[in-house]
PDB file of N, CA and C in Angstrom:
ATOM      1  N   MET A   1     -45.792 -59.831 -25.237  1.00  0.00           N
ATOM      2  CA  MET A   1     -45.687 -59.405 -23.826  1.00  0.00           C
ATOM      3  C   MET A   1     -43.771 -58.608 -24.091  1.00  0.00           C
ATOM      4  N   THR A   2     -44.006 -57.080 -23.405  1.00  0.00           N
ATOM      5  CA  THR A   2     -43.020 -56.287 -23.251  1.00  0.00           C
ATOM      6  C   THR A   2     -41.985 -56.098 -22.551  1.00  0.00           C
ATOM      7  N   SER A   3     -40.192 -56.090 -22.645  1.00  0.00           N
ATOM      8  CA  SER A   3     -39.645 -57.067 -21.666  1.00  0.00           C
ATOM      9  C   SER A   3     -39.651 -55.862 -20.628  1.00  0.00           C
ATOM     10  N   ALA A   4     -39.799 -55.210 -20.771  1.00  0.00           N
ATOM     11  CA  ALA A   4     -40.456 -54.433 -19.194  1.00  0.00           C
ATOM     12  C   ALA A   4     -41.498 -54.696 -18.321  1.00  0.00           C
ATOM     13  N   VAL A   5     -42.594 -56.177 -19.348  1.00  0.00           N
ATOM     14  CA  VAL A   5     -43.367 -56.260 -18.456  1.00  0.00           C
ATOM     15  C   VAL A   5     -43.032 -57.403 -17.937  1.00  0.00           C
ATOM     16  N   LEU A   6     -42.136 -58.204 -18.860  1.00  0.00           N
ATOM     17  CA  LEU A   6     -41.725 -59.568 -18.665  1.00  0.00           C
ATOM     18  C   LEU A   6     -40.771 -59.988 -17.627  1.00  0.00           C
ATOM     19  N   ALA A   7     -39.945 -58.563 -17.398  1.00  0.00           N
ATOM     20  CA  ALA A   7     -38.805 -58.520 -16.072  1.00  0.00           C
ATOM     21  C   ALA A   7     -39.683 -58.269 -15.177  1.00  0.00           C
ATOM     22  N   ALA A   8     -40.907 -57.458 -14.439  1.00  0.00           N
ATOM     23  CA  ALA A   8     -41.897 -56.740 -13.885  1.00  0.00           C
ATOM     24  C   ALA A   8     -42.359 -58.414 -13.369  1.00  0.00           C
ATOM     25  N   THR A   9     -42.190 -59.301 -14.658  1.00  0.00           N
ATOM     26  CA  THR A   9     -43.908 -60.746 -13.761  1.00  0.00           C
ATOM     27  C   THR A   9     -42.414 -61.297 -13.281  1.00  0.00           C
ATOM     28  N   LEU A  10     -41.368 -61.413 -14.043  1.00  0.00           N
ATOM     29  CA  LEU A  10     -39.932 -62.621 -13.198  1.00  0.00           C
ATOM     30  C   LEU A  10     -39.889 -61.486 -11.617  1.00  0.00           C
ATOM     31  N   CYS A  11     -40.070 -60.368 -11.332  1.00  0.00           N
ATOM     32  CA  CYS A  11     -39.447 -60.001 -10.289  1.00  0.00           C
ATOM     33  C   CYS A  11     -40.746 -60.915  -9.210  1.00  0.00           C
ATOM     34  N   LEU A  12     -41.859 -60.018  -9.869  1.00  0.00           N
ATOM     35  CA  LEU A  12     -42.742 -60.875  -8.557  1.00  0.00           C
ATOM     36  C   LEU A  12     -42.682 -62.027  -8.205  1.00  0.00           C
ATOM     37  N   ALA A  13     -42.822 -63.147  -9.538  1.00  0.00           N
ATOM     38  CA  ALA A  13     -42.851 -64.162  -8.915  1.00  0.00           C
ATOM     39  C   ALA A  13     -41.323 -64.980  -8.597  1.00  0.00           C
ATOM     40  N   VAL A  14     -40.847 -64.220  -7.566  1.00  0.00           N
ATOM     41  CA  VAL A  14     -39.988 -64.580  -6.689  1.00  0.00           C
ATOM     42  C   VAL A  14     -40.609 -64.408  -4.761  1.00  0.00           C
ATOM     43  N   ALA A  15     -41.484 -63.477  -5.488  1.00  0.00           N
ATOM     44  CA  ALA A  15     -42.101 -63.365  -3.818  1.00  0.00           C
ATOM     45  C   ALA A  15     -42.761 -64.202  -3.269  1.00  0.00           C
ATOM     46  N   PHE A  16     -43.461 -64.139  -2.257  1.00  0.00           N
ATOM     47  CA  PHE A  16     -44.068 -65.774  -0.577  1.00  0.00           C
ATOM     48  C   PHE A  16     -44.700 -64.990  -0.218  1.00  0.00           C
ATOM     49  N   GLY A  17     -45.591 -65.596   0.302  1.00  0.00           N
ATOM     50  CA  GLY A  17     -46.948 -65.226   1.104  1.00  0.00           C
ATOM     51  C   GLY A  17     -46.525 -64.846   2.414  1.00  0.00           C
ATOM     52  N   ALA A  18     -45.644 -66.079   3.471  1.00  0.00           N
ATOM     53  CA  ALA A  18     -45.063 -66.332   4.599  1.00  0.00           C
ATOM     54  C   ALA A  18     -44.637 -64.316   5.164  1.00  0.00           C
ATOM     55  N   SER A  19     -45.863 -64.828   6.938  1.00  0.00           N
ATOM     56  CA  SER A  19     -45.050 -63.989   7.690  1.00  0.00           C
ATOM     57  C   SER A  19     -45.042 -64.000   9.094  1.00  0.00           C
ATOM     58  N   GLY A  20     -43.889 -62.758   9.180  1.00  0.00           N
ATOM     59  CA  GLY A  20     -42.848 -63.601  10.002  1.00  0.00           C
ATOM     60  C   GLY A  20     -41.680 -62.008  10.113  1.00  0.00           C
ATOM     61  N   ASN A  21     -40.568 -62.374  11.589  1.00  0.00           N
ATOM     62  CA  ASN A  21     -39.295 -61.441  11.205  1.00  0.00           C
ATOM     63  C   ASN A  21     -39.104 -62.266   9.680  1.00  0.00           C
ATOM     64  N   VAL A  22     -37.508 -61.174   8.847  1.00  0.00           N
ATOM     65  CA  VAL A  22     -37.510 -61.301   7.920  1.00  0.00           C
ATOM     66  C   VAL A  22     -35.578 -60.992   8.647  1.00  0.00           C
ATOM     67  N   GLU A  23     -34.912 -61.868   8.981  1.00  0.00           N
ATOM     68  CA  GLU A  23     -34.017 -61.569   9.812  1.00  0.00           C
ATOM     69  C   GLU A  23     -32.873 -61.395   8.817  1.00  0.00           C
ATOM     70  N   LYS A  24     -33.317 -61.760   7.460  1.00  0.00           N
ATOM     71  CA  LYS A  24     -31.404 -61.954   6.467  1.00  0.00           C
ATOM     72  C   LYS A  24     -32.559 -60.959   5.152  1.00  0.00           C
ATOM     73  N   ARG A  25     -32.312 -59.747   5.536  1.00  0.00           N
ATOM     74  CA  ARG A  25     -33.005 -58.646   4.665  1.00  0.00           C
ATOM     75  C   ARG A  25     -32.104 -58.631   2.945  1.00  0.00           C
ATOM     76  N   GLU A  26     -31.044 -59.628   2.417  1.00  0.00           N
ATOM     77  CA  GLU A  26     -31.262 -59.829   1.250  1.00  0.00           C
ATOM     78  C   GLU A  26     -32.717 -60.574   0.837  1.00  0.00           C
ATOM     79  N   TYR A  27     -33.082 -61.014   1.351  1.00  0.00           N
ATOM     80  CA  TYR A  27     -34.647 -61.987   1.237  1.00  0.00           C
ATOM     81  C   TYR A  27     -36.179 -60.808   0.979  1.00  0.00           C
ATOM     82  N   VAL A  28     -35.315 -59.325   0.374  1.00  0.00           N
ATOM     83  CA  VAL A  28     -35.989 -58.583   0.815  1.00  0.00           C
ATOM     84  C   VAL A  28     -35.697 -57.239  -0.577  1.00  0.00           C
ATOM     85  N   CYS A  29     -37.045 -57.530  -1.593  1.00  0.00           N
ATOM     86  CA  CYS A  29     -36.776 -56.518  -2.618  1.00  0.00           C
ATOM     87  C   CYS A  29     -37.496 -55.372  -2.150  1.00  0.00           C
ATOM     88  N   MET A  30     -35.825 -54.606  -1.379  1.00  0.00           N
ATOM     89  CA  MET A  30     -36.594 -53.004  -1.107  1.00  0.00           C
ATOM     90  C   MET A  30     -36.947 -52.290  -2.089  1.00  0.00           C
ATOM     91  N   MET A  31     -36.909 -51.879  -3.474  1.00  0.00           N
ATOM     92  CA  MET A  31     -37.309 -51.661  -4.097  1.00  0.00           C
ATOM     93  C   MET A  31     -39.050 -51.536  -4.574  1.00  0.00           C
ATOM     94  N   GLN A  32     -39.517 -53.126  -4.157  1.00  0.00           N
ATOM     95  CA  GLN A  32     -40.904 -53.602  -4.422  1.00  0.00           C
ATOM     96  C   GLN A  32     -41.324 -53.573  -2.765  1.00  0.00           C
ATOM     97  N   ASP A  33     -40.841 -53.661  -1.384  1.00  0.00           N
ATOM     98  CA  ASP A  33     -41.381 -54.152  -0.577  1.00  0.00           C
ATOM     99  C   ASP A  33     -41.728 -55.284  -0.142  1.00  0.00           C
ATOM    100  N   MET A  34     -41.281 -56.166  -0.610  1.00  0.00           N
ATOM    101  CA  MET A  34     -41.848 -57.833  -1.239  1.00  0.00           C
ATOM    102  C   MET A  34     -40.811 -58.712  -0.101  1.00  0.00           C
ATOM    103  N   VAL A  35     -41.036 -59.859   0.109  1.00  0.00           N
ATOM    104  CA  VAL A  35     -39.965 -60.598   0.165  1.00  0.00           C
ATOM    105  C   VAL A  35     -39.832 -61.327  -0.568  1.00  0.00           C
ATOM    106  N   LEU A  36     -38.943 -62.212  -0.064  1.00  0.00           N
ATOM    107  CA  LEU A  36     -38.658 -62.723  -0.852  1.00  0.00           C
ATOM    108  C   LEU A  36     -37.439 -63.855  -0.963  1.00  0.00           C
ATOM    109  N   THR A  37     -37.998 -65.153  -1.683  1.00  0.00           N
ATOM    110  CA  THR A  37     -38.087 -67.016  -1.939  1.00  0.00           C
ATOM    111  C   THR A  37     -36.506 -67.098  -1.948  1.00  0.00           C
ATOM    112  N   LYS A  38     -36.024 -66.390  -2.147  1.00  0.00           N
ATOM    113  CA  LYS A  38     -33.980 -66.536  -3.086  1.00  0.00           C
ATOM    114  C   LYS A  38     -33.794 -64.949  -2.503  1.00  0.00           C
ATOM    115  N   PRO A  39     -32.576 -65.357  -1.902  1.00  0.00           N
ATOM    116  CA  PRO A  39     -31.878 -63.544  -1.874  1.00  0.00           C
ATOM    117  C   PRO A  39     -31.736 -62.931  -3.307  1.00  0.00           C
ATOM    118  N   GLY A  40     -32.037 -61.918  -3.437  1.00  0.00           N
ATOM    119  CA  GLY A  40     -31.644 -60.771  -4.627  1.00  0.00           C
ATOM    120  C   GLY A  40     -30.845 -60.090  -4.579  1.00  0.00           C
ATOM    121  N   ILE A  41     -30.733 -59.269  -5.212  1.00  0.00           N
ATOM    122  CA  ILE A  41     -29.004 -58.981  -5.757  1.00  0.00           C
ATOM    123  C   ILE A  41     -28.982 -57.723  -4.665  1.00  0.00           C
ATOM    124  N   ALA A  42     -27.140 -57.453  -4.521  1.00  0.00           N
ATOM    125  CA  ALA A  42     -27.400 -56.182  -3.544  1.00  0.00           C
ATOM    126  C   ALA A  42     -26.667 -54.857  -4.472  1.00  0.00           C
ATOM    127  N   ILE A  43     -27.142 -53.681  -3.765  1.00  0.00           N
ATOM    128  CA  ILE A  43     -27.341 -52.331  -5.072  1.00  0.00           C
ATOM    129  C   ILE A  43     -26.795 -51.430  -4.361  1.00  0.00           C
ATOM    130  N   GLN A  44     -25.428 -51.123  -3.982  1.00  0.00           N
ATOM    131  CA  GLN A  44     -24.743 -50.178  -3.678  1.00  0.00           C
ATOM    132  C   GLN A  44     -25.319 -48.474  -3.436  1.00  0.00           C
ATOM    133  N   TYR A  45     -25.446 -47.955  -2.533  1.00  0.00           N
ATOM    134  CA  TYR A  45     -25.968 -46.465  -2.422  1.00  0.00           C
ATOM    135  C   TYR A  45     -25.337 -46.539  -0.878  1.00  0.00           C
ATOM    136  N   GLN A  46     -24.678 -44.290  -1.424  1.00  0.00           N
ATOM    137  CA  GLN A  46     -23.567 -44.053  -0.030  1.00  0.00           C
ATOM    138  C   GLN A  46     -23.448 -44.850   0.748  1.00  0.00           C
ATOM    139  N   GLY A  47     -22.368 -46.319   0.454  1.00  0.00           N
ATOM    140  CA  GLY A  47     -21.767 -46.954   1.474  1.00  0.00           C
ATOM    141  C   GLY A  47     -22.640 -47.251   2.625  1.00  0.00           C
ATOM    142  N   LYS A  48     -23.813 -48.045   1.920  1.00  0.00           N
ATOM    143  CA  LYS A  48     -24.259 -48.676   2.460  1.00  0.00           C
ATOM    144  C   LYS A  48     -24.944 -50.253   0.801  1.00  0.00           C
ATOM    145  N   THR A  49     -25.997 -51.224   1.894  1.00  0.00           N
ATOM    146  CA  THR A  49     -26.343 -52.587   0.863  1.00  0.00           C
ATOM    147  C   THR A  49     -27.739 -52.276   0.832  1.00  0.00           C
ATOM    148  N   TYR A  50     -28.414 -52.477   0.107  1.00  0.00           N
ATOM    149  CA  TYR A  50     -30.221 -52.394  -0.273  1.00  0.00           C
ATOM    150  C   TYR A  50     -29.818 -53.339  -1.519  1.00  0.00           C
ATOM    151  N   TYR A  51     -31.529 -53.985  -0.742  1.00  0.00           N
ATOM    152  CA  TYR A  51     -31.752 -55.283  -1.853  1.00  0.00           C
ATOM    153  C   TYR A  51     -32.662 -54.851  -2.974  1.00  0.00           C
ATOM    154  N   GLY A  52     -32.675 -55.898  -3.856  1.00  0.00           N
ATOM    155  CA  GLY A  52     -33.224 -55.619  -5.024  1.00  0.00           C
ATOM    156  C   GLY A  52     -34.064 -57.483  -5.058  1.00  0.00           C
ATOM    157  N   CYS A  53     -34.869 -57.206  -6.261  1.00  0.00           N
ATOM    158  CA  CYS A  53     -34.343 -58.121  -7.228  1.00  0.00           C
ATOM    159  C   CYS A  53     -34.775 -58.933  -8.009  1.00  0.00           C
ATOM    160  N   CYS A  54     -34.677 -57.674  -9.007  1.00  0.00           N
ATOM    161  CA  CYS A  54     -34.309 -57.822 -10.040  1.00  0.00           C
ATOM    162  C   CYS A  54     -33.022 -56.466 -11.099  1.00  0.00           C
ATOM    163  N   ALA A  55     -32.831 -56.369 -12.150  1.00  0.00           N
ATOM    164  CA  ALA A  55     -31.931 -55.044 -12.722  1.00  0.00           C
ATOM    165  C   ALA A  55     -32.476 -53.824 -12.462  1.00  0.00           C
ATOM    166  N   MET A  56     -34.199 -54.536 -12.808  1.00  0.00           N
ATOM    167  CA  MET A  56     -34.876 -53.018 -12.706  1.00  0.00           C
ATOM    168  C   MET A  56     -35.018 -52.296 -11.579  1.00  0.00           C
ATOM    169  N   CYS A  57     -34.048 -53.480  -9.795  1.00  0.00           N
ATOM    170  CA  CYS A  57     -34.262 -52.327  -8.943  1.00  0.00           C
ATOM    171  C   CYS A  57     -33.166 -51.262  -9.030  1.00  0.00           C
ATOM    172  N   LYS A  58     -31.819 -52.175  -9.230  1.00  0.00           N
ATOM    173  CA  LYS A  58     -30.939 -51.261  -9.690  1.00  0.00           C
ATOM    174  C   LYS A  58     -31.177 -49.801  -9.921  1.00  0.00           C
ATOM    175  N   GLU A  59     -32.105 -49.496 -11.331  1.00  0.00           N
ATOM    176  CA  GLU A  59     -32.054 -48.240 -11.975  1.00  0.00           C
ATOM    177  C   GLU A  59     -33.160 -47.323 -11.379  1.00  0.00           C
ATOM    178  N   LYS A  60     -34.359 -48.028 -10.148  1.00  0.00           N
ATOM    179  CA  LYS A  60     -34.915 -47.418  -9.238  1.00  0.00           C
ATOM    180  C   LYS A  60     -34.266 -46.818  -8.151  1.00  0.00           C
ATOM    181  N   ILE A  61     -33.486 -47.536  -8.009  1.00  0.00           N
ATOM    182  CA  ILE A  61     -32.840 -46.886  -6.580  1.00  0.00           C
ATOM    183  C   ILE A  61     -32.021 -45.553  -7.088  1.00  0.00           C
ATOM    184  N   LYS A  62     -31.135 -46.164  -8.478  1.00  0.00           N
ATOM    185  CA  LYS A  62     -30.683 -44.699  -8.940  1.00  0.00           C
ATOM    186  C   LYS A  62     -30.969 -43.509  -8.867  1.00  0.00           C
ATOM    187  N   ASN A  63     -32.391 -44.027  -9.491  1.00  0.00           N
ATOM    188  CA  ASN A  63     -32.975 -42.322 -10.116  1.00  0.00           C
ATOM    189  C   ASN A  63     -33.808 -41.991  -9.356  1.00  0.00           C
ATOM    190  N   GLU A  64     -34.647 -42.934  -7.778  1.00  0.00           N
ATOM    191  CA  GLU A  64     -35.345 -42.423  -7.409  1.00  0.00           C
ATOM    192  C   GLU A  64     -34.927 -42.303  -5.931  1.00  0.00           C
ATOM    193  N   PRO A  65     -33.819 -42.401  -5.406  1.00  0.00           N
ATOM    194  CA  PRO A  65     -33.219 -43.117  -4.085  1.00  0.00           C
ATOM    195  C   PRO A  65     -34.050 -42.721  -2.624  1.00  0.00           C
ATOM    196  N   LYS A  66     -33.879 -41.781  -2.774  1.00  0.00           N
ATOM    197  CA  LYS A  66     -35.051 -41.118  -1.150  1.00  0.00           C
ATOM    198  C   LYS A  66     -35.972 -41.916  -1.227  1.00  0.00           C
ATOM    199  N   LYS A  67     -36.943 -41.928  -2.587  1.00  0.00           N
ATOM    200  CA  LYS A  67     -38.438 -42.818  -2.078  1.00  0.00           C
ATOM    201  C   LYS A  67     -37.733 -45.119  -1.803  1.00  0.00           C
ATOM    202  N   TYR A  68     -36.979 -45.396  -2.448  1.00  0.00           N
ATOM    203  CA  TYR A  68     -36.581 -46.430  -2.234  1.00  0.00           C
ATOM    204  C   TYR A  68     -35.741 -46.929  -1.061  1.00  0.00           C
ATOM    205  N   THR A  69     -34.418 -46.064  -0.427  1.00  0.00           N
ATOM    206  CA  THR A  69     -33.559 -46.063   0.440  1.00  0.00           C
ATOM    207  C   THR A  69     -34.230 -45.941   1.861  1.00  0.00           C
ATOM    208  N   ARG A  70     -35.862 -45.579   1.898  1.00  0.00           N
ATOM    209  CA  ARG A  70     -36.381 -45.088   3.277  1.00  0.00           C
ATOM    210  C   ARG A  70     -37.982 -45.823   3.104  1.00  0.00           C
ATOM    211  N   ALA A  71     -38.187 -45.703   4.255  1.00  0.00           N
ATOM    212  CA  ALA A  71     -39.783 -46.931   4.531  1.00  0.00           C
ATOM    213  C   ALA A  71     -40.056 -45.845   6.121  1.00  0.00           C
ATOM    214  N   ILE A  72     -41.537 -46.237   6.286  1.00  0.00           N
ATOM    215  CA  ILE A  72     -42.019 -45.635   8.054  1.00  0.00           C
ATOM    216  C   ILE A  72     -42.558 -46.519   8.477  1.00  0.00           C
ATOM    217  N   ASP A  73     -41.877 -46.566   9.311  1.00  0.00           N
ATOM    218  CA  ASP A  73     -42.210 -47.701  11.037  1.00  0.00           C
ATOM    219  C   ASP A  73     -43.742 -47.788  11.164  1.00  0.00           C
ATOM    220  N   PRO A  74     -44.122 -48.660  11.187  1.00  0.00           N
ATOM    221  CA  PRO A  74     -45.765 -48.429  10.602  1.00  0.00           C
ATOM    222  C   PRO A  74     -46.058 -48.379  12.300  1.00  0.00           C
ATOM    223  N   VAL A  75     -45.001 -49.093  13.374  1.00  0.00           N
ATOM    224  CA  VAL A  75     -45.140 -47.967  15.107  1.00  0.00           C
ATOM    225  C   VAL A  75     -45.248 -46.674  15.536  1.00  0.00           C
ATOM    226  N   SER A  76     -43.980 -46.866  14.992  1.00  0.00           N
ATOM    227  CA  SER A  76     -43.112 -44.804  15.389  1.00  0.00           C
ATOM    228  C   SER A  76     -43.695 -44.167  14.823  1.00  0.00           C
ATOM    229  N   GLY A  77     -44.210 -44.268  13.495  1.00  0.00           N
ATOM    230  CA  GLY A  77     -44.332 -43.593  12.626  1.00  0.00           C
ATOM    231  C   GLY A  77     -42.875 -42.339  12.109  1.00  0.00           C
ATOM    232  N   LYS A  78     -41.558 -43.519  12.888  1.00  0.00           N
ATOM    233  CA  LYS A  78     -40.887 -42.036  12.135  1.00  0.00           C
ATOM    234  C   LYS A  78     -40.469 -42.801  11.207  1.00  0.00           C
ATOM    235  N   GLN A  79     -38.944 -42.141  10.531  1.00  0.00           N
ATOM    236  CA  GLN A  79     -38.419 -42.992   8.874  1.00  0.00           C
ATOM    237  C   GLN A  79     -37.118 -43.641   9.384  1.00  0.00           C
ATOM    238  N   VAL A  80     -37.409 -44.613   7.892  1.00  0.00           N
ATOM    239  CA  VAL A  80     -36.304 -45.475   8.137  1.00  0.00           C
ATOM    240  C   VAL A  80     -35.166 -45.888   7.630  1.00  0.00           C
ATOM    241  N   ASP A  81     -34.147 -45.975   7.405  1.00  0.00           N
ATOM    242  CA  ASP A  81     -33.413 -47.097   7.007  1.00  0.00           C
ATOM    243  C   ASP A  81     -33.686 -47.833   6.281  1.00  0.00           C
ATOM    244  N   LYS A  82     -33.518 -48.043   5.137  1.00  0.00           N
ATOM    245  CA  LYS A  82     -33.893 -50.358   4.674  1.00  0.00           C
ATOM    246  C   LYS A  82     -32.683 -50.843   4.943  1.00  0.00           C
ATOM    247  N   ALA A  83     -32.122 -50.232   5.061  1.00  0.00           N
ATOM    248  CA  ALA A  83     -30.612 -51.019   5.609  1.00  0.00           C
ATOM    249  C   ALA A  83     -29.953 -50.660   6.391  1.00  0.00           C
ATOM    250  N   GLU A  84     -30.923 -50.007   7.215  1.00  0.00           N
ATOM    251  CA  GLU A  84     -30.556 -50.917   9.089  1.00  0.00           C
ATOM    252  C   GLU A  84     -32.001 -51.362   9.342  1.00  0.00           C
ATOM    253  N   ALA A  85     -32.687 -51.321   9.040  1.00  0.00           N
ATOM    254  CA  ALA A  85     -34.284 -51.581   9.947  1.00  0.00           C
ATOM    255  C   ALA A  85     -34.366 -53.020   9.832  1.00  0.00           C
ATOM    256  N   PHE A  86     -35.141 -53.048  10.729  1.00  0.00           N
ATOM    257  CA  PHE A  86     -35.475 -55.384  11.387  1.00  0.00           C
ATOM    258  C   PHE A  86     -37.149 -54.763  10.352  1.00  0.00           C
ATOM    259  N   VAL A  87     -36.689 -55.405   9.690  1.00  0.00           N
ATOM    260  CA  VAL A  87     -37.733 -55.817   9.162  1.00  0.00           C
ATOM    261  C   VAL A  87     -39.230 -57.113   9.217  1.00  0.00           C
ATOM    262  N   TYR A  88     -40.240 -57.372   9.318  1.00  0.00           N
ATOM    263  CA  TYR A  88     -40.718 -58.458   9.621  1.00  0.00           C
ATOM    264  C   TYR A  88     -42.186 -58.060   8.255  1.00  0.00           C
ATOM    265  N   GLY A  89     -42.410 -59.842   7.999  1.00  0.00           N
ATOM    266  CA  GLY A  89     -42.703 -60.223   6.414  1.00  0.00           C
ATOM    267  C   GLY A  89     -44.928 -60.024   6.716  1.00  0.00           C
ATOM    268  N   VAL A  90     -45.741 -59.751   5.859  1.00  0.00           N
ATOM    269  CA  VAL A  90     -46.745 -60.221   6.091  1.00  0.00           C
ATOM    270  C   VAL A  90     -47.533 -60.387   4.448  1.00  0.00           C
ATOM    271  N   GLU A  91     -47.105 -61.516   4.548  1.00  0.00           N
ATOM    272  CA  GLU A  91     -48.199 -62.066   3.122  1.00  0.00           C
ATOM    273  C   GLU A  91     -47.158 -61.824   2.190  1.00  0.00           C
ATOM    274  N   GLY A  92     -46.008 -61.600   2.153  1.00  0.00           N
ATOM    275  CA  GLY A  92     -44.972 -60.917   1.550  1.00  0.00           C
ATOM    276  C   GLY A  92     -44.349 -59.875   1.677  1.00  0.00           C
ATOM    277  N   ASN A  93     -45.025 -59.214   2.175  1.00  0.00           N
ATOM    278  CA  ASN A  93     -45.255 -57.715   2.219  1.00  0.00           C
ATOM    279  C   ASN A  93     -44.220 -57.334   3.304  1.00  0.00           C
ATOM    280  N   ALA A  94     -42.745 -56.556   2.869  1.00  0.00           N
ATOM    281  CA  ALA A  94     -42.297 -56.422   3.750  1.00  0.00           C
ATOM    282  C   ALA A  94     -42.922 -55.402   4.399  1.00  0.00           C
ATOM    283  N   TYR A  95     -42.280 -54.789   5.753  1.00  0.00           N
ATOM    284  CA  TYR A  95     -42.122 -53.981   6.344  1.00  0.00           C
ATOM    285  C   TYR A  95     -40.899 -53.317   7.730  1.00  0.00           C
ATOM    286  N   TYR A  96     -40.908 -52.004   7.815  1.00  0.00           N
ATOM    287  CA  TYR A  96     -39.841 -51.590   8.433  1.00  0.00           C
ATOM    288  C   TYR A  96     -39.494 -50.997   9.696  1.00  0.00           C
ATOM    289  N   PHE A  97     -38.598 -51.592  10.836  1.00  0.00           N
ATOM    290  CA  PHE A  97     -39.683 -50.853  11.619  1.00  0.00           C
ATOM    291  C   PHE A  97     -37.573 -50.409  12.072  1.00  0.00           C
ATOM    292  N   SER A  98     -37.540 -49.478  12.951  1.00  0.00           N
ATOM    293  CA  SER A  98     -36.170 -48.758  13.985  1.00  0.00           C
ATOM    294  C   SER A  98     -35.638 -49.258  15.059  1.00  0.00           C
ATOM    295  N   SER A  99     -36.963 -50.571  15.733  1.00  0.00           N
ATOM    296  CA  SER A  99     -36.268 -51.015  16.473  1.00  0.00           C
ATOM    297  C   SER A  99     -36.874 -52.883  16.446  1.00  0.00           C
ATOM    298  N   LYS A 100     -36.307 -53.932  17.355  1.00  0.00           N
ATOM    299  CA  LYS A 100     -36.971 -55.190  17.368  1.00  0.00           C
ATOM    300  C   LYS A 100     -37.834 -54.974  18.038  1.00  0.00           C
ATOM    301  N   GLU A 101     -38.230 -53.596  19.429  1.00  0.00           N
ATOM    302  CA  GLU A 101     -39.299 -53.658  20.208  1.00  0.00           C
ATOM    303  C   GLU A 101     -40.899 -53.108  19.200  1.00  0.00           C
ATOM    304  N   ASN A 102     -40.013 -52.611  18.711  1.00  0.00           N
ATOM    305  CA  ASN A 102     -41.457 -52.211  17.034  1.00  0.00           C
ATOM    306  C   ASN A 102     -41.708 -53.024  16.866  1.00  0.00           C
ATOM    307  N   ARG A 103     -40.818 -54.041  16.185  1.00  0.00           N
ATOM    308  CA  ARG A 103     -40.975 -54.872  14.952  1.00  0.00           C
ATOM    309  C   ARG A 103     -41.570 -56.174  15.959  1.00  0.00           C
ATOM    310  N   LYS A 104     -41.513 -56.698  16.882  1.00  0.00           N
ATOM    311  CA  LYS A 104     -42.337 -57.296  17.470  1.00  0.00           C
ATOM    312  C   LYS A 104     -44.329 -56.553  18.041  1.00  0.00           C
ATOM    313  N   THR A 105     -44.251 -55.448  18.345  1.00  0.00           N
ATOM    314  CA  THR A 105     -45.358 -54.621  18.975  1.00  0.00           C
ATOM    315  C   THR A 105     -46.045 -55.214  17.492  1.00  0.00           C
ATOM    316  N   PHE A 106     -45.830 -54.622  16.571  1.00  0.00           N
ATOM    317  CA  PHE A 106     -46.366 -54.280  15.181  1.00  0.00           C
ATOM    318  C   PHE A 106     -46.801 -56.212  14.849  1.00  0.00           C
ATOM    319  N   ALA A 107     -45.380 -56.797  14.530  1.00  0.00           N
ATOM    320  CA  ALA A 107     -46.180 -58.711  15.047  1.00  0.00           C
ATOM    321  C   ALA A 107     -47.362 -59.438  15.798  1.00  0.00           C
ATOM    322  N   GLU A 108     -47.492 -58.804  16.847  1.00  0.00           N
ATOM    323  CA  GLU A 108     -49.000 -59.002  18.093  1.00  0.00           C
ATOM    324  C   GLU A 108     -49.968 -58.674  17.619  1.00  0.00           C
ATOM    325  N   ASN A 109     -50.343 -57.456  16.510  1.00  0.00           N
ATOM    326  CA  ASN A 109     -51.105 -56.903  15.746  1.00  0.00           C
ATOM    327  C   ASN A 109     -50.748 -56.239  14.961  1.00  0.00           C
ATOM    328  N   PRO A 110     -50.620 -57.213  13.453  1.00  0.00           N
ATOM    329  CA  PRO A 110     -50.394 -56.453  12.681  1.00  0.00           C
ATOM    330  C   PRO A 110     -51.805 -55.578  11.823  1.00  0.00           C
ATOM    331  N   GLY A 111     -52.783 -55.686  12.202  1.00  0.00           N
ATOM    332  CA  GLY A 111     -53.815 -55.376  11.229  1.00  0.00           C
ATOM    333  C   GLY A 111     -54.443 -54.477  11.947  1.00  0.00           C
ATOM    334  N   LYS A 112     -53.724 -53.826  13.066  1.00  0.00           N
ATOM    335  CA  LYS A 112     -53.297 -52.897  14.135  1.00  0.00           C
ATOM    336  C   LYS A 112     -53.167 -51.825  13.303  1.00  0.00           C
ATOM    337  N   TYR A 113     -52.269 -52.408  12.964  1.00  0.00           N
ATOM    338  CA  TYR A 113     -50.559 -50.979  11.685  1.00  0.00           C
ATOM    339  C   TYR A 113     -50.763 -50.750  10.265  1.00  0.00           C
ATOM    340  N   LEU A 114     -52.046 -51.815   9.754  1.00  0.00           N
ATOM    341  CA  LEU A 114     -51.660 -51.559   8.608  1.00  0.00           C
ATOM    342  C   LEU A 114     -53.404 -50.876   8.118  1.00  0.00           C
ATOM    343  N   LYS A 115     -53.312 -50.077   6.995  1.00  0.00           N
ATOM    344  CA  LYS A 115     -54.069 -49.920   7.275  1.00  0.00           C
ATOM    345  C   LYS A 115     -55.046 -50.093   6.161  1.00  0.00           C
ATOM    346  N   LYS A 116     -56.036 -50.931   6.326  1.00  0.00           N
ATOM    347  CA  LYS A 116     -57.336 -51.040   5.452  1.00  0.00           C
ATOM    348  C   LYS A 116     -57.775 -50.291   3.942  1.00  0.00           C
TER     349      LYS A 116
END
């Protein structure tokens, strides 16, 4: 097994499948948009703190910061900064919101907003 494949496998091993509000951003890998079972690693970028699950995440944000620091709020369709967003997990996947109200709306019926 190559070191890259092994590292990716280890990164994915810390994800879990629960759903609900994620109040602590350090429990989200913002590079892979997944909820973690333990705190990830803090990654500083332009004065803000983002979180990743492994050393590869630091490289990802360094190489493609716009891709990994931003997300689209599924309720409003607006772009949000992951370092400031409200987070909700669905089966281990992280979704980002511009407000608590949007997160609550999503939580009431996630299937309405998730692409099938």
